[in-house]
Amino acid sequence: AAIRACSTGGRWEVAFAILERMGDLGVSPSEVTLGAVMRSCESAQRWDLALHVLRAMRSDFRLDPGPVAFGAALGACARVGQWTS
């Protein structure tokens, strides 16, 4: 819920801090959680960070990105017209 609140306010720094704290506590994020982190990147026009989270889903979190993740990453890129990365 906290990360989702960050997505509406463009508070990507806070969303990443919460995600990091989850890791410190041994809590694995879900695709929905990571999608909310990416949506916070979209609000802040940080498409680069959204793509970083998308890549990290497999490499760091061992999750297969689904519609939520791809939609969030696509939204972040679309917001700034970034189609070539």
C-alpha atoms as a PDB file:
ATOM      1  CA  ALA A   1       0.000   0.000   0.000  1.00  0.00           C
ATOM      2  CA  ALA A   2       2.837   2.383   0.818  1.00  0.00           C
ATOM      3  CA  ILE A   3       4.582   1.806  -2.501  1.00  0.00           C
ATOM      4  CA  ARG A   4       1.285   2.216  -4.332  1.00  0.00           C
ATOM      5  CA  ALA A   5       0.805   5.584  -2.658  1.00  0.00           C
ATOM      6  CA  CYS A   6       4.233   6.591  -3.940  1.00  0.00           C
ATOM      7  CA  SER A   7       3.165   5.744  -7.485  1.00  0.00           C
ATOM      8  CA  THR A   8       0.437   8.369  -7.493  1.00  0.00           C
ATOM      9  CA  GLY A   9       2.726  11.035  -6.075  1.00  0.00           C
ATOM     10  CA  GLY A  10       5.783  10.359  -8.208  1.00  0.00           C
ATOM     11  CA  ARG A  11       7.811   9.585  -5.085  1.00  0.00           C
ATOM     12  CA  TRP A  12      10.096   7.064  -6.735  1.00  0.00           C
ATOM     13  CA  GLU A  13      12.852   7.626  -4.140  1.00  0.00           C
ATOM     14  CA  VAL A  14      10.522   6.567  -1.340  1.00  0.00           C
ATOM     15  CA  ALA A  15       9.253   3.591  -3.352  1.00  0.00           C
ATOM     16  CA  PHE A  16      12.823   2.368  -3.880  1.00  0.00           C
ATOM     17  CA  ALA A  17      13.632   2.920  -0.187  1.00  0.00           C
ATOM     18  CA  ILE A  18      10.640   0.799   0.828  1.00  0.00           C
ATOM     19  CA  LEU A  19      11.655  -1.877  -1.674  1.00  0.00           C
ATOM     20  CA  GLU A  20      15.180  -1.896  -0.234  1.00  0.00           C
ATOM     21  CA  ARG A  21      13.807  -2.137   3.306  1.00  0.00           C
ATOM     22  CA  MET A  22      11.666  -5.099   2.258  1.00  0.00           C
ATOM     23  CA  GLY A  23      14.846  -6.829   1.140  1.00  0.00           C
ATOM     24  CA  ASP A  24      16.529  -6.012   4.451  1.00  0.00           C
ATOM     25  CA  LEU A  25      13.620  -7.686   6.231  1.00  0.00           C
ATOM     26  CA  GLY A  26      13.715 -10.740   3.966  1.00  0.00           C
ATOM     27  CA  VAL A  27      10.395  -9.921   2.309  1.00  0.00           C
ATOM     28  CA  SER A  28      10.254 -10.776  -1.388  1.00  0.00           C
ATOM     29  CA  PRO A  29       8.316  -8.347  -3.566  1.00  0.00           C
ATOM     30  CA  SER A  30       5.562  -9.556  -5.854  1.00  0.00           C
ATOM     31  CA  GLU A  31       5.010  -8.544  -9.449  1.00  0.00           C
ATOM     32  CA  VAL A  32       2.314  -6.156  -8.223  1.00  0.00           C
ATOM     33  CA  THR A  33       4.732  -4.535  -5.761  1.00  0.00           C
ATOM     34  CA  LEU A  34       7.393  -4.102  -8.423  1.00  0.00           C
ATOM     35  CA  GLY A  35       4.738  -2.784 -10.822  1.00  0.00           C
ATOM     36  CA  ALA A  36       3.877  -0.114  -8.259  1.00  0.00           C
ATOM     37  CA  VAL A  37       7.571   0.807  -7.997  1.00  0.00           C
ATOM     38  CA  MET A  38       7.663   1.146 -11.790  1.00  0.00           C
ATOM     39  CA  ARG A  39       4.513   3.281 -11.748  1.00  0.00           C
ATOM     40  CA  SER A  40       6.199   5.628  -9.288  1.00  0.00           C
ATOM     41  CA  CYS A  41       8.986   5.918 -11.863  1.00  0.00           C
ATOM     42  CA  GLU A  42       6.382   6.699 -14.528  1.00  0.00           C
ATOM     43  CA  SER A  43       4.928   9.545 -12.461  1.00  0.00           C
ATOM     44  CA  ALA A  44       8.419  10.986 -12.023  1.00  0.00           C
ATOM     45  CA  GLN A  45       9.305  10.455 -15.709  1.00  0.00           C
ATOM     46  CA  ARG A  46      12.126   8.066 -14.732  1.00  0.00           C
ATOM     47  CA  TRP A  47      11.612   5.511 -17.510  1.00  0.00           C
ATOM     48  CA  ASP A  48      15.226   4.368 -17.091  1.00  0.00           C
ATOM     49  CA  LEU A  49      14.561   3.223 -13.542  1.00  0.00           C
ATOM     50  CA  ALA A  50      11.344   1.493 -14.567  1.00  0.00           C
ATOM     51  CA  LEU A  51      13.292  -0.560 -17.115  1.00  0.00           C
ATOM     52  CA  HIS A  52      15.911  -1.303 -14.462  1.00  0.00           C
ATOM     53  CA  VAL A  53      13.196  -2.740 -12.186  1.00  0.00           C
ATOM     54  CA  LEU A  54      11.753  -4.744 -15.085  1.00  0.00           C
ATOM     55  CA  ARG A  55      15.166  -6.313 -15.749  1.00  0.00           C
ATOM     56  CA  ALA A  56      15.723  -6.919 -12.031  1.00  0.00           C
ATOM     57  CA  MET A  57      12.498  -8.892 -11.794  1.00  0.00           C
ATOM     58  CA  ARG A  58      14.231 -11.881 -13.380  1.00  0.00           C
ATOM     59  CA  SER A  59      17.834 -11.352 -12.349  1.00  0.00           C
ATOM     60  CA  ASP A  60      17.370 -10.254  -8.732  1.00  0.00           C
ATOM     61  CA  PHE A  61      13.873 -11.357  -7.723  1.00  0.00           C
ATOM     62  CA  ARG A  62      13.471 -14.482  -9.894  1.00  0.00           C
ATOM     63  CA  LEU A  63      10.036 -13.379 -11.091  1.00  0.00           C
ATOM     64  CA  ASP A  64       8.650 -13.690 -14.595  1.00  0.00           C
ATOM     65  CA  PRO A  65       7.336 -10.283 -15.646  1.00  0.00           C
ATOM     66  CA  GLY A  66       3.671 -10.404 -16.573  1.00  0.00           C
ATOM     67  CA  PRO A  67       1.084  -7.908 -17.773  1.00  0.00           C
ATOM     68  CA  VAL A  68       1.326  -5.726 -14.666  1.00  0.00           C
ATOM     69  CA  ALA A  69       5.096  -5.331 -14.974  1.00  0.00           C
ATOM     70  CA  PHE A  70       5.171  -4.846 -18.728  1.00  0.00           C
ATOM     71  CA  GLY A  71       2.278  -2.392 -18.555  1.00  0.00           C
ATOM     72  CA  ALA A  72       4.039  -0.321 -15.909  1.00  0.00           C
ATOM     73  CA  ALA A  73       7.319  -0.272 -17.846  1.00  0.00           C
ATOM     74  CA  LEU A  74       5.536   0.568 -21.086  1.00  0.00           C
ATOM     75  CA  GLY A  75       3.630   3.371 -19.366  1.00  0.00           C
ATOM     76  CA  ALA A  76       6.869   4.865 -18.026  1.00  0.00           C
ATOM     77  CA  CYS A  77       8.453   4.823 -21.481  1.00  0.00           C
ATOM     78  CA  ALA A  78       5.319   6.122 -23.201  1.00  0.00           C
ATOM     79  CA  ARG A  79       5.016   9.055 -20.811  1.00  0.00           C
ATOM     80  CA  VAL A  80       8.277  10.520 -22.104  1.00  0.00           C
ATOM     81  CA  GLY A  81       8.161   9.124 -25.655  1.00  0.00           C
ATOM     82  CA  GLN A  82      11.069   6.766 -25.026  1.00  0.00           C
ATOM     83  CA  TRP A  83      10.511   3.886 -27.465  1.00  0.00           C
ATOM     84  CA  THR A  84      14.025   2.800 -28.444  1.00  0.00           C
ATOM     85  CA  SER A  85      15.389   1.449 -25.142  1.00  0.00           C
END
